Amino acid sequence: MNPGAEEVLYVAQGRGDCRVCGFSHDLAPGTAVYIPPGAAYSIENPHDETLLIVSACCPEDPDRRIVDEAGTPASGERPRLTVREQDREVIRAGKDREFRYLIHTDLGCRQITQFVGWIPQSVAPFHFHEYEEGIFILEGNGIVRVESESYPFGPASSIYLPVGVRHCLENPGPAPVRLLGVFYPSGSPGAASED
């Protein structure tokens, strides 16, 4: 349980169950889960296949702790805390990139924005954001350029970009790069400042 932080989960592989405050939520590839501050939760994998979940928790919560149970429902109404990637609208970001919001304000999340995005064969201009960004590569290969350095990335790579750092993600192609991104504080994947 995170007493003061919001946490967002994304199922990259496998199936299972996530209990949040006593309510059960099915987990499958492409499912995102919002864990509100103070909500006790647990994850169960009853299958032989590995359940791979990518998590981000913001802001850092030094009081995070293990509790005995995932809690009992406060009321009989089941809160909407999950969304499936395929149920979200595709939104354009720039001339050649697309994304879908996953965990966003419509689920009650106020501090974090979680999204999935696609980068076709292309080179983006150098830019920076007014938020910190974490990226997990779901599919594809490319190059992240940070200031004057370049680093290759591939599936299961993680990239952290502090506030104001000039960067660009390049896809030399031909297959698209598919990525999971998280912003803190909350923002839009399409909002960037160029030099």
N, C-alpha and C. Protein backbone atom coordinates (compact mmCIF):
# COMPACT_ATOMS: atom_id res chain seq x y z
N MET A 1 0.84 -1.18 0.00
CA MET A 1 0.00 0.00 0.00
C MET A 1 0.89 1.24 0.00
N ASN A 2 0.51 2.24 -0.81
CA ASN A 2 1.19 3.53 -0.86
C ASN A 2 0.27 4.56 -0.20
N PRO A 3 0.61 5.03 1.00
CA PRO A 3 -0.28 5.97 1.68
C PRO A 3 -0.49 7.29 0.92
N GLY A 4 0.54 7.81 0.24
CA GLY A 4 0.40 9.11 -0.40
C GLY A 4 0.62 9.15 -1.88
N ALA A 5 1.08 8.07 -2.48
CA ALA A 5 1.43 8.06 -3.91
C ALA A 5 0.39 7.34 -4.74
N GLU A 6 0.33 7.71 -6.02
CA GLU A 6 -0.47 6.97 -6.99
C GLU A 6 0.45 5.95 -7.65
N GLU A 7 -0.09 4.79 -7.98
CA GLU A 7 0.68 3.76 -8.68
C GLU A 7 -0.10 3.31 -9.90
N VAL A 8 0.60 3.11 -11.01
CA VAL A 8 -0.02 2.61 -12.23
C VAL A 8 0.69 1.33 -12.65
N LEU A 9 -0.09 0.35 -13.05
CA LEU A 9 0.43 -0.95 -13.49
C LEU A 9 0.05 -1.16 -14.95
N TYR A 10 0.87 -1.93 -15.67
CA TYR A 10 0.56 -2.31 -17.05
C TYR A 10 0.97 -3.76 -17.23
N VAL A 11 0.07 -4.57 -17.74
CA VAL A 11 0.36 -5.99 -17.97
C VAL A 11 0.97 -6.15 -19.35
N ALA A 12 2.25 -6.49 -19.38
CA ALA A 12 2.96 -6.71 -20.64
C ALA A 12 2.85 -8.15 -21.11
N GLN A 13 2.64 -9.08 -20.16
CA GLN A 13 2.58 -10.50 -20.51
C GLN A 13 1.87 -11.26 -19.40
N GLY A 14 1.11 -12.27 -19.77
CA GLY A 14 0.49 -13.16 -18.80
C GLY A 14 -0.90 -12.72 -18.38
N ARG A 15 -1.49 -13.53 -17.50
CA ARG A 15 -2.84 -13.28 -17.00
C ARG A 15 -2.86 -13.51 -15.50
N GLY A 16 -3.76 -12.81 -14.82
CA GLY A 16 -3.87 -12.97 -13.39
C GLY A 16 -5.01 -12.14 -12.85
N ASP A 17 -4.91 -11.79 -11.57
CA ASP A 17 -5.95 -11.06 -10.86
C ASP A 17 -5.30 -10.01 -9.98
N CYS A 18 -5.89 -8.83 -9.95
CA CYS A 18 -5.44 -7.75 -9.06
C CYS A 18 -6.62 -7.37 -8.17
N ARG A 19 -6.43 -7.47 -6.86
CA ARG A 19 -7.46 -7.05 -5.91
C ARG A 19 -7.08 -5.68 -5.37
N VAL A 20 -8.01 -4.73 -5.52
CA VAL A 20 -7.80 -3.37 -5.01
C VAL A 20 -8.96 -3.05 -4.09
N CYS A 21 -8.65 -2.81 -2.81
CA CYS A 21 -9.67 -2.51 -1.80
C CYS A 21 -10.80 -3.54 -1.81
N GLY A 22 -10.44 -4.81 -1.99
CA GLY A 22 -11.41 -5.89 -1.94
C GLY A 22 -12.10 -6.22 -3.24
N PHE A 23 -11.92 -5.42 -4.28
CA PHE A 23 -12.53 -5.70 -5.58
C PHE A 23 -11.52 -6.39 -6.49
N SER A 24 -11.98 -7.39 -7.23
CA SER A 24 -11.12 -8.16 -8.12
C SER A 24 -11.16 -7.58 -9.53
N HIS A 25 -9.98 -7.48 -10.17
CA HIS A 25 -9.86 -6.97 -11.53
C HIS A 25 -9.04 -7.96 -12.35
N ASP A 26 -9.57 -8.41 -13.49
CA ASP A 26 -8.85 -9.34 -14.36
C ASP A 26 -7.65 -8.66 -14.98
N LEU A 27 -6.53 -9.39 -15.04
CA LEU A 27 -5.32 -8.90 -15.68
C LEU A 27 -5.06 -9.72 -16.94
N ALA A 28 -4.76 -9.03 -18.03
CA ALA A 28 -4.42 -9.65 -19.31
C ALA A 28 -3.50 -8.69 -20.04
N PRO A 29 -2.76 -9.17 -21.06
CA PRO A 29 -1.88 -8.26 -21.79
C PRO A 29 -2.64 -7.03 -22.30
N GLY A 30 -2.05 -5.85 -22.09
CA GLY A 30 -2.66 -4.60 -22.52
C GLY A 30 -3.59 -3.98 -21.49
N THR A 31 -3.71 -4.59 -20.30
CA THR A 31 -4.55 -4.03 -19.24
C THR A 31 -3.72 -3.08 -18.38
N ALA A 32 -4.28 -1.92 -18.06
CA ALA A 32 -3.65 -0.96 -17.15
C ALA A 32 -4.52 -0.86 -15.91
N VAL A 33 -3.86 -0.69 -14.74
CA VAL A 33 -4.57 -0.61 -13.47
C VAL A 33 -4.11 0.63 -12.72
N TYR A 34 -5.06 1.36 -12.17
CA TYR A 34 -4.77 2.52 -11.33
C TYR A 34 -4.95 2.13 -9.86
N ILE A 35 -3.90 2.36 -9.05
CA ILE A 35 -3.94 2.11 -7.61
C ILE A 35 -3.94 3.48 -6.92
N PRO A 36 -5.09 3.91 -6.37
CA PRO A 36 -5.14 5.22 -5.72
C PRO A 36 -4.32 5.25 -4.43
N PRO A 37 -3.95 6.45 -3.98
CA PRO A 37 -3.25 6.56 -2.69
C PRO A 37 -4.09 5.94 -1.57
N GLY A 38 -3.43 5.18 -0.69
CA GLY A 38 -4.11 4.57 0.44
C GLY A 38 -4.86 3.29 0.13
N ALA A 39 -4.87 2.86 -1.13
CA ALA A 39 -5.59 1.63 -1.50
C ALA A 39 -4.67 0.42 -1.33
N ALA A 40 -5.12 -0.55 -0.56
CA ALA A 40 -4.37 -1.79 -0.41
C ALA A 40 -4.65 -2.65 -1.64
N TYR A 41 -3.60 -3.29 -2.17
CA TYR A 41 -3.81 -4.14 -3.34
C TYR A 41 -2.91 -5.37 -3.29
N SER A 42 -3.30 -6.38 -4.05
CA SER A 42 -2.50 -7.59 -4.18
C SER A 42 -2.65 -8.10 -5.61
N ILE A 43 -1.66 -8.88 -6.04
CA ILE A 43 -1.67 -9.46 -7.39
C ILE A 43 -1.48 -10.96 -7.26
N GLU A 44 -2.27 -11.71 -8.00
CA GLU A 44 -2.17 -13.17 -7.98
C GLU A 44 -2.00 -13.68 -9.40
N ASN A 45 -1.09 -14.62 -9.57
CA ASN A 45 -0.90 -15.30 -10.84
C ASN A 45 -1.17 -16.79 -10.63
N PRO A 46 -2.39 -17.27 -10.98
CA PRO A 46 -2.71 -18.67 -10.79
C PRO A 46 -2.26 -19.56 -11.96
N HIS A 47 -1.56 -18.99 -12.93
CA HIS A 47 -1.19 -19.72 -14.15
C HIS A 47 0.30 -20.06 -14.17
N ASP A 48 0.69 -20.95 -15.07
CA ASP A 48 2.09 -21.32 -15.22
C ASP A 48 2.90 -20.25 -15.94
N GLU A 49 2.24 -19.48 -16.80
CA GLU A 49 2.93 -18.44 -17.57
C GLU A 49 3.35 -17.29 -16.66
N THR A 50 4.51 -16.72 -16.95
CA THR A 50 4.99 -15.56 -16.20
C THR A 50 4.05 -14.37 -16.39
N LEU A 51 3.75 -13.69 -15.30
CA LEU A 51 2.95 -12.47 -15.34
C LEU A 51 3.93 -11.31 -15.24
N LEU A 52 4.11 -10.56 -16.34
CA LEU A 52 5.05 -9.44 -16.38
C LEU A 52 4.27 -8.14 -16.28
N ILE A 53 4.50 -7.41 -15.18
CA ILE A 53 3.80 -6.16 -14.91
C ILE A 53 4.83 -5.04 -14.78
N VAL A 54 4.59 -3.93 -15.48
CA VAL A 54 5.43 -2.75 -15.38
C VAL A 54 4.70 -1.77 -14.45
N SER A 55 5.40 -1.30 -13.42
CA SER A 55 4.79 -0.44 -12.41
C SER A 55 5.53 0.89 -12.32
N ALA A 56 4.78 1.95 -12.06
CA ALA A 56 5.37 3.26 -11.75
C ALA A 56 4.58 3.84 -10.58
N CYS A 57 5.30 4.39 -9.62
CA CYS A 57 4.70 4.94 -8.41
C CYS A 57 5.23 6.37 -8.23
N CYS A 58 4.31 7.35 -8.19
CA CYS A 58 4.72 8.75 -8.07
C CYS A 58 3.76 9.51 -7.16
N PRO A 59 4.24 10.46 -6.39
CA PRO A 59 5.66 10.70 -6.14
C PRO A 59 6.22 9.57 -5.29
N GLU A 60 7.53 9.55 -5.12
CA GLU A 60 8.14 8.51 -4.30
C GLU A 60 7.47 8.50 -2.93
N ASP A 61 7.15 7.32 -2.42
CA ASP A 61 6.41 7.20 -1.17
C ASP A 61 7.23 6.44 -0.14
N PRO A 62 7.95 7.14 0.74
CA PRO A 62 8.78 6.45 1.72
C PRO A 62 7.98 5.65 2.74
N ASP A 63 6.66 5.88 2.82
CA ASP A 63 5.83 5.15 3.77
C ASP A 63 5.14 3.93 3.16
N ARG A 64 5.55 3.54 1.95
CA ARG A 64 5.00 2.34 1.30
C ARG A 64 5.22 1.16 2.23
N ARG A 65 4.20 0.29 2.33
CA ARG A 65 4.33 -0.84 3.25
C ARG A 65 3.50 -2.03 2.81
N ILE A 66 3.82 -3.17 3.38
CA ILE A 66 3.06 -4.40 3.17
C ILE A 66 1.95 -4.45 4.21
N VAL A 67 0.74 -4.77 3.78
CA VAL A 67 -0.39 -4.92 4.70
C VAL A 67 -0.90 -6.35 4.61
N ASP A 68 -1.65 -6.77 5.60
CA ASP A 68 -2.08 -8.18 5.68
C ASP A 68 -3.02 -8.59 4.56
N GLU A 69 -3.95 -7.70 4.17
CA GLU A 69 -4.94 -8.05 3.16
C GLU A 69 -5.14 -6.89 2.20
N ALA A 70 -5.77 -7.19 1.07
CA ALA A 70 -6.05 -6.14 0.09
C ALA A 70 -7.27 -5.32 0.46
N GLY A 71 -7.77 -5.50 1.67
CA GLY A 71 -8.85 -4.66 2.16
C GLY A 71 -10.23 -5.14 1.76
N THR A 72 -11.21 -4.57 2.40
CA THR A 72 -12.59 -4.88 2.08
C THR A 72 -13.22 -3.66 1.43
N PRO A 73 -14.19 -3.87 0.56
CA PRO A 73 -14.80 -2.74 -0.12
C PRO A 73 -15.42 -1.75 0.86
N ALA A 74 -15.21 -0.45 0.61
CA ALA A 74 -15.79 0.59 1.45
C ALA A 74 -17.29 0.70 1.18
N SER A 75 -17.72 0.38 0.00
CA SER A 75 -19.14 0.41 -0.36
C SER A 75 -19.40 -0.70 -1.36
N GLY A 76 -20.65 -0.86 -1.74
CA GLY A 76 -20.98 -1.92 -2.69
C GLY A 76 -20.65 -1.58 -4.13
N GLU A 77 -20.24 -0.34 -4.41
CA GLU A 77 -19.98 0.09 -5.78
C GLU A 77 -18.53 -0.18 -6.17
N ARG A 78 -18.37 -0.88 -7.27
CA ARG A 78 -17.03 -1.23 -7.77
C ARG A 78 -16.42 -0.01 -8.48
N PRO A 79 -15.26 0.47 -8.03
CA PRO A 79 -14.64 1.62 -8.71
C PRO A 79 -14.03 1.21 -10.05
N ARG A 80 -14.03 2.13 -11.01
CA ARG A 80 -13.40 1.88 -12.30
C ARG A 80 -11.91 2.21 -12.17
N LEU A 81 -11.08 1.15 -12.11
CA LEU A 81 -9.65 1.32 -11.92
C LEU A 81 -8.82 0.69 -13.02
N THR A 82 -9.47 0.03 -13.99
CA THR A 82 -8.72 -0.62 -15.07
C THR A 82 -9.22 -0.13 -16.43
N VAL A 83 -8.33 -0.26 -17.40
CA VAL A 83 -8.67 0.06 -18.78
C VAL A 83 -7.86 -0.88 -19.68
N ARG A 84 -8.45 -1.25 -20.79
CA ARG A 84 -7.74 -2.08 -21.76
C ARG A 84 -7.23 -1.19 -22.89
N GLU A 85 -6.01 -1.44 -23.29
CA GLU A 85 -5.38 -0.63 -24.33
C GLU A 85 -6.25 -0.51 -25.57
N GLN A 86 -6.82 -1.62 -26.03
CA GLN A 86 -7.59 -1.61 -27.27
C GLN A 86 -8.89 -0.81 -27.17
N ASP A 87 -9.31 -0.46 -25.95
CA ASP A 87 -10.54 0.31 -25.77
C ASP A 87 -10.31 1.82 -25.77
N ARG A 88 -9.05 2.25 -25.87
CA ARG A 88 -8.73 3.67 -25.85
C ARG A 88 -8.56 4.20 -27.27
N GLU A 89 -8.91 5.45 -27.46
CA GLU A 89 -8.81 6.13 -28.75
C GLU A 89 -7.35 6.41 -29.12
N VAL A 90 -7.02 6.24 -30.39
CA VAL A 90 -5.69 6.60 -30.90
C VAL A 90 -5.65 8.11 -31.11
N ILE A 91 -4.59 8.75 -30.61
CA ILE A 91 -4.42 10.21 -30.71
C ILE A 91 -3.10 10.49 -31.42
N ARG A 92 -3.10 11.44 -32.32
CA ARG A 92 -1.88 11.81 -33.05
C ARG A 92 -1.01 12.70 -32.18
N ALA A 93 0.30 12.50 -32.27
CA ALA A 93 1.28 13.35 -31.58
C ALA A 93 2.31 13.75 -32.62
N GLY A 94 2.24 14.98 -33.09
CA GLY A 94 3.13 15.39 -34.17
C GLY A 94 2.65 14.83 -35.49
N LYS A 95 3.53 14.88 -36.48
CA LYS A 95 3.11 14.47 -37.82
C LYS A 95 3.12 12.97 -38.05
N ASP A 96 3.89 12.20 -37.23
CA ASP A 96 4.00 10.78 -37.56
C ASP A 96 3.91 9.83 -36.37
N ARG A 97 3.60 10.33 -35.19
CA ARG A 97 3.55 9.47 -34.01
C ARG A 97 2.14 9.43 -33.44
N GLU A 98 1.83 8.32 -32.78
CA GLU A 98 0.50 8.12 -32.20
C GLU A 98 0.64 7.60 -30.78
N PHE A 99 -0.41 7.84 -29.97
CA PHE A 99 -0.43 7.28 -28.63
C PHE A 99 -1.88 7.04 -28.20
N ARG A 100 -2.03 6.29 -27.12
CA ARG A 100 -3.32 6.09 -26.46
C ARG A 100 -3.11 6.33 -24.97
N TYR A 101 -3.95 7.17 -24.38
CA TYR A 101 -3.93 7.30 -22.93
C TYR A 101 -4.34 5.95 -22.34
N LEU A 102 -3.73 5.56 -21.25
CA LEU A 102 -4.16 4.40 -20.47
C LEU A 102 -4.74 4.95 -19.16
N ILE A 103 -3.91 5.06 -18.14
CA ILE A 103 -4.37 5.65 -16.88
C ILE A 103 -4.26 7.17 -17.00
N HIS A 104 -5.41 7.82 -16.80
CA HIS A 104 -5.50 9.26 -16.99
C HIS A 104 -6.55 9.81 -16.02
N THR A 105 -6.89 11.05 -16.15
CA THR A 105 -7.79 11.72 -15.21
C THR A 105 -9.19 11.09 -15.17
N ASP A 106 -9.64 10.45 -16.25
CA ASP A 106 -10.98 9.88 -16.25
C ASP A 106 -11.12 8.70 -15.28
N LEU A 107 -9.99 8.14 -14.82
CA LEU A 107 -10.03 7.08 -13.81
C LEU A 107 -9.74 7.63 -12.42
N GLY A 108 -9.59 8.93 -12.30
CA GLY A 108 -9.34 9.55 -11.00
C GLY A 108 -7.88 9.83 -10.71
N CYS A 109 -7.00 9.45 -11.61
CA CYS A 109 -5.56 9.66 -11.43
C CYS A 109 -5.24 11.14 -11.66
N ARG A 110 -4.56 11.77 -10.71
CA ARG A 110 -4.29 13.20 -10.79
C ARG A 110 -2.82 13.55 -11.01
N GLN A 111 -1.91 12.66 -10.60
CA GLN A 111 -0.49 13.02 -10.62
C GLN A 111 0.31 12.37 -11.75
N ILE A 112 -0.20 11.27 -12.29
CA ILE A 112 0.54 10.48 -13.27
C ILE A 112 -0.27 10.38 -14.56
N THR A 113 0.39 10.38 -15.70
CA THR A 113 -0.22 10.03 -16.97
C THR A 113 0.51 8.80 -17.50
N GLN A 114 -0.23 7.75 -17.81
CA GLN A 114 0.34 6.53 -18.39
C GLN A 114 -0.24 6.38 -19.79
N PHE A 115 0.61 6.04 -20.75
CA PHE A 115 0.16 5.91 -22.14
C PHE A 115 0.96 4.83 -22.84
N VAL A 116 0.45 4.39 -23.98
CA VAL A 116 1.21 3.53 -24.88
C VAL A 116 1.36 4.31 -26.19
N GLY A 117 2.55 4.24 -26.80
CA GLY A 117 2.80 5.00 -28.01
C GLY A 117 3.50 4.18 -29.08
N TRP A 118 3.43 4.68 -30.31
CA TRP A 118 4.07 4.02 -31.45
C TRP A 118 4.96 5.02 -32.17
N ILE A 119 6.15 4.56 -32.51
CA ILE A 119 7.08 5.39 -33.27
C ILE A 119 7.38 4.66 -34.58
N PRO A 120 6.96 5.21 -35.71
CA PRO A 120 7.29 4.59 -36.99
C PRO A 120 8.76 4.86 -37.33
N GLN A 121 9.22 4.34 -38.43
CA GLN A 121 10.59 4.64 -38.87
C GLN A 121 10.69 6.15 -39.03
N SER A 122 11.49 6.78 -38.18
CA SER A 122 11.60 8.25 -38.19
C SER A 122 12.65 8.71 -37.20
N VAL A 123 12.98 10.00 -37.30
CA VAL A 123 13.84 10.67 -36.34
C VAL A 123 13.09 11.91 -35.87
N ALA A 124 12.84 11.99 -34.57
CA ALA A 124 12.15 13.16 -34.02
C ALA A 124 13.16 14.28 -33.79
N PRO A 125 12.72 15.53 -33.82
CA PRO A 125 13.63 16.62 -33.46
C PRO A 125 13.93 16.56 -31.96
N PHE A 126 15.08 17.10 -31.56
CA PHE A 126 15.38 17.19 -30.14
C PHE A 126 14.32 18.05 -29.46
N HIS A 127 13.89 17.63 -28.29
CA HIS A 127 12.87 18.35 -27.53
C HIS A 127 13.04 18.07 -26.05
N PHE A 128 12.26 18.74 -25.22
CA PHE A 128 12.27 18.47 -23.78
C PHE A 128 10.86 18.66 -23.24
N HIS A 129 10.65 18.15 -22.03
CA HIS A 129 9.33 18.22 -21.40
C HIS A 129 9.44 18.92 -20.05
N GLU A 130 8.30 19.41 -19.58
CA GLU A 130 8.21 20.04 -18.26
C GLU A 130 7.80 19.03 -17.20
N TYR A 131 8.00 17.76 -17.46
CA TYR A 131 7.71 16.68 -16.52
C TYR A 131 8.79 15.64 -16.68
N GLU A 132 8.93 14.76 -15.68
CA GLU A 132 9.86 13.64 -15.84
C GLU A 132 9.12 12.50 -16.51
N GLU A 133 9.86 11.71 -17.27
CA GLU A 133 9.24 10.66 -18.08
C GLU A 133 10.00 9.36 -17.92
N GLY A 134 9.24 8.28 -17.73
CA GLY A 134 9.79 6.93 -17.74
C GLY A 134 9.22 6.18 -18.92
N ILE A 135 10.08 5.44 -19.63
CA ILE A 135 9.66 4.71 -20.83
C ILE A 135 10.10 3.27 -20.69
N PHE A 136 9.21 2.33 -21.06
CA PHE A 136 9.52 0.91 -21.12
C PHE A 136 9.23 0.46 -22.54
N ILE A 137 10.22 -0.12 -23.21
CA ILE A 137 10.05 -0.54 -24.61
C ILE A 137 9.33 -1.89 -24.65
N LEU A 138 8.16 -1.91 -25.25
CA LEU A 138 7.38 -3.13 -25.38
C LEU A 138 7.79 -3.93 -26.62
N GLU A 139 8.03 -3.24 -27.74
CA GLU A 139 8.41 -3.90 -29.00
C GLU A 139 9.29 -2.95 -29.80
N GLY A 140 10.19 -3.53 -30.57
CA GLY A 140 10.99 -2.76 -31.51
C GLY A 140 12.34 -2.34 -30.97
N ASN A 141 13.14 -1.78 -31.86
CA ASN A 141 14.49 -1.35 -31.55
C ASN A 141 14.70 0.07 -32.05
N GLY A 142 15.57 0.80 -31.36
CA GLY A 142 15.85 2.15 -31.78
C GLY A 142 17.02 2.74 -31.03
N ILE A 143 17.07 4.06 -31.06
CA ILE A 143 18.17 4.81 -30.43
C ILE A 143 17.55 5.97 -29.67
N VAL A 144 17.98 6.14 -28.42
CA VAL A 144 17.59 7.33 -27.67
C VAL A 144 18.80 8.25 -27.65
N ARG A 145 18.59 9.50 -28.03
CA ARG A 145 19.65 10.50 -28.01
C ARG A 145 19.34 11.46 -26.86
N VAL A 146 20.30 11.59 -25.96
CA VAL A 146 20.16 12.46 -24.79
C VAL A 146 21.33 13.42 -24.80
N GLU A 147 21.00 14.73 -24.97
CA GLU A 147 22.04 15.74 -25.09
C GLU A 147 23.01 15.31 -26.21
N SER A 148 24.28 15.03 -25.92
CA SER A 148 25.24 14.65 -26.96
C SER A 148 25.55 13.15 -26.98
N GLU A 149 24.82 12.35 -26.21
CA GLU A 149 25.05 10.90 -26.13
C GLU A 149 23.95 10.14 -26.87
N SER A 150 24.28 8.91 -27.33
CA SER A 150 23.32 8.03 -27.99
C SER A 150 23.38 6.65 -27.37
N TYR A 151 22.19 6.04 -27.19
CA TYR A 151 22.12 4.71 -26.58
C TYR A 151 21.11 3.87 -27.35
N PRO A 152 21.47 2.62 -27.72
CA PRO A 152 20.50 1.75 -28.38
C PRO A 152 19.49 1.22 -27.36
N PHE A 153 18.29 0.90 -27.82
CA PHE A 153 17.30 0.26 -26.96
C PHE A 153 16.57 -0.82 -27.73
N GLY A 154 16.00 -1.75 -27.00
CA GLY A 154 15.21 -2.84 -27.57
C GLY A 154 14.14 -3.25 -26.58
N PRO A 155 13.40 -4.33 -26.88
CA PRO A 155 12.34 -4.78 -25.98
C PRO A 155 12.85 -4.97 -24.56
N ALA A 156 12.05 -4.52 -23.60
CA ALA A 156 12.31 -4.59 -22.15
C ALA A 156 13.35 -3.58 -21.68
N SER A 157 13.80 -2.66 -22.56
CA SER A 157 14.67 -1.57 -22.12
C SER A 157 13.84 -0.54 -21.36
N SER A 158 14.46 0.08 -20.36
CA SER A 158 13.83 1.18 -19.63
C SER A 158 14.65 2.45 -19.85
N ILE A 159 13.94 3.57 -20.01
CA ILE A 159 14.58 4.86 -20.25
C ILE A 159 13.99 5.85 -19.25
N TYR A 160 14.84 6.62 -18.57
CA TYR A 160 14.37 7.67 -17.67
C TYR A 160 14.86 9.01 -18.19
N LEU A 161 13.94 9.97 -18.29
CA LEU A 161 14.26 11.31 -18.79
C LEU A 161 13.84 12.35 -17.75
N PRO A 162 14.79 12.98 -17.06
CA PRO A 162 14.45 14.02 -16.08
C PRO A 162 13.82 15.23 -16.75
N VAL A 163 13.20 16.07 -15.95
CA VAL A 163 12.58 17.32 -16.43
C VAL A 163 13.63 18.15 -17.16
N GLY A 164 13.27 18.64 -18.36
CA GLY A 164 14.12 19.58 -19.08
C GLY A 164 15.28 19.00 -19.86
N VAL A 165 15.46 17.68 -19.86
CA VAL A 165 16.58 17.08 -20.59
C VAL A 165 16.24 16.98 -22.07
N ARG A 166 17.11 17.53 -22.93
CA ARG A 166 16.92 17.45 -24.38
C ARG A 166 17.13 16.02 -24.84
N HIS A 167 16.19 15.50 -25.64
CA HIS A 167 16.29 14.11 -26.07
C HIS A 167 15.47 13.91 -27.35
N CYS A 168 15.69 12.77 -27.98
CA CYS A 168 14.82 12.31 -29.06
C CYS A 168 14.93 10.80 -29.14
N LEU A 169 13.86 10.16 -29.55
CA LEU A 169 13.84 8.72 -29.79
C LEU A 169 13.80 8.51 -31.29
N GLU A 170 14.71 7.71 -31.77
CA GLU A 170 14.83 7.45 -33.20
C GLU A 170 14.52 5.99 -33.48
N ASN A 171 13.74 5.75 -34.53
CA ASN A 171 13.46 4.40 -34.99
C ASN A 171 14.05 4.26 -36.39
N PRO A 172 15.20 3.55 -36.51
CA PRO A 172 15.79 3.38 -37.83
C PRO A 172 14.99 2.43 -38.73
N GLY A 173 13.98 1.75 -38.14
CA GLY A 173 13.04 0.94 -38.92
C GLY A 173 13.53 -0.45 -39.25
N PRO A 174 12.72 -1.15 -40.03
CA PRO A 174 11.43 -0.73 -40.58
C PRO A 174 10.24 -0.97 -39.64
N ALA A 175 10.37 -1.88 -38.63
CA ALA A 175 9.24 -2.18 -37.74
C ALA A 175 9.01 -1.02 -36.76
N PRO A 176 7.76 -0.74 -36.41
CA PRO A 176 7.50 0.34 -35.46
C PRO A 176 7.99 -0.02 -34.06
N VAL A 177 8.28 1.00 -33.28
CA VAL A 177 8.60 0.84 -31.87
C VAL A 177 7.30 1.07 -31.10
N ARG A 178 7.00 0.16 -30.18
CA ARG A 178 5.84 0.31 -29.31
C ARG A 178 6.36 0.47 -27.89
N LEU A 179 5.91 1.53 -27.21
CA LEU A 179 6.44 1.82 -25.88
C LEU A 179 5.35 2.15 -24.90
N LEU A 180 5.66 1.93 -23.63
CA LEU A 180 4.81 2.32 -22.51
C LEU A 180 5.49 3.51 -21.87
N GLY A 181 4.75 4.59 -21.65
CA GLY A 181 5.32 5.78 -21.05
C GLY A 181 4.53 6.23 -19.84
N VAL A 182 5.24 6.91 -18.92
CA VAL A 182 4.62 7.47 -17.73
C VAL A 182 5.21 8.86 -17.50
N PHE A 183 4.34 9.84 -17.23
CA PHE A 183 4.76 11.21 -16.92
C PHE A 183 4.42 11.55 -15.47
N TYR A 184 5.28 12.34 -14.85
CA TYR A 184 4.98 12.90 -13.54
C TYR A 184 5.63 14.29 -13.47
N PRO A 185 4.90 15.36 -13.18
CA PRO A 185 3.45 15.36 -12.98
C PRO A 185 2.70 15.12 -14.29
N SER A 186 1.43 14.84 -14.16
CA SER A 186 0.58 14.47 -15.28
C SER A 186 0.70 15.47 -16.44
N GLY A 187 0.66 14.95 -17.66
CA GLY A 187 0.77 15.81 -18.85
C GLY A 187 0.28 15.09 -20.08
N SER A 188 0.63 15.62 -21.23
CA SER A 188 0.23 15.04 -22.51
C SER A 188 1.45 14.54 -23.26
N PRO A 189 1.38 13.32 -23.83
CA PRO A 189 2.49 12.83 -24.65
C PRO A 189 2.79 13.71 -25.85
N GLY A 190 1.82 14.51 -26.27
CA GLY A 190 2.02 15.40 -27.41
C GLY A 190 2.63 16.75 -27.06
N ALA A 191 2.80 17.03 -25.75
CA ALA A 191 3.33 18.33 -25.31
C ALA A 191 4.85 18.26 -25.20
N ALA A 192 5.54 19.00 -26.05
CA ALA A 192 7.01 19.03 -26.03
C ALA A 192 7.48 20.40 -26.46
N SER A 193 8.63 20.78 -25.94
CA SER A 193 9.25 22.05 -26.32
C SER A 193 10.51 21.78 -27.10
N GLU A 194 10.65 22.44 -28.24
CA GLU A 194 11.85 22.28 -29.06
C GLU A 194 12.74 23.50 -28.89
N ASP A 195 14.03 23.30 -29.09
CA ASP A 195 14.98 24.42 -29.00
C ASP A 195 14.81 25.36 -30.17
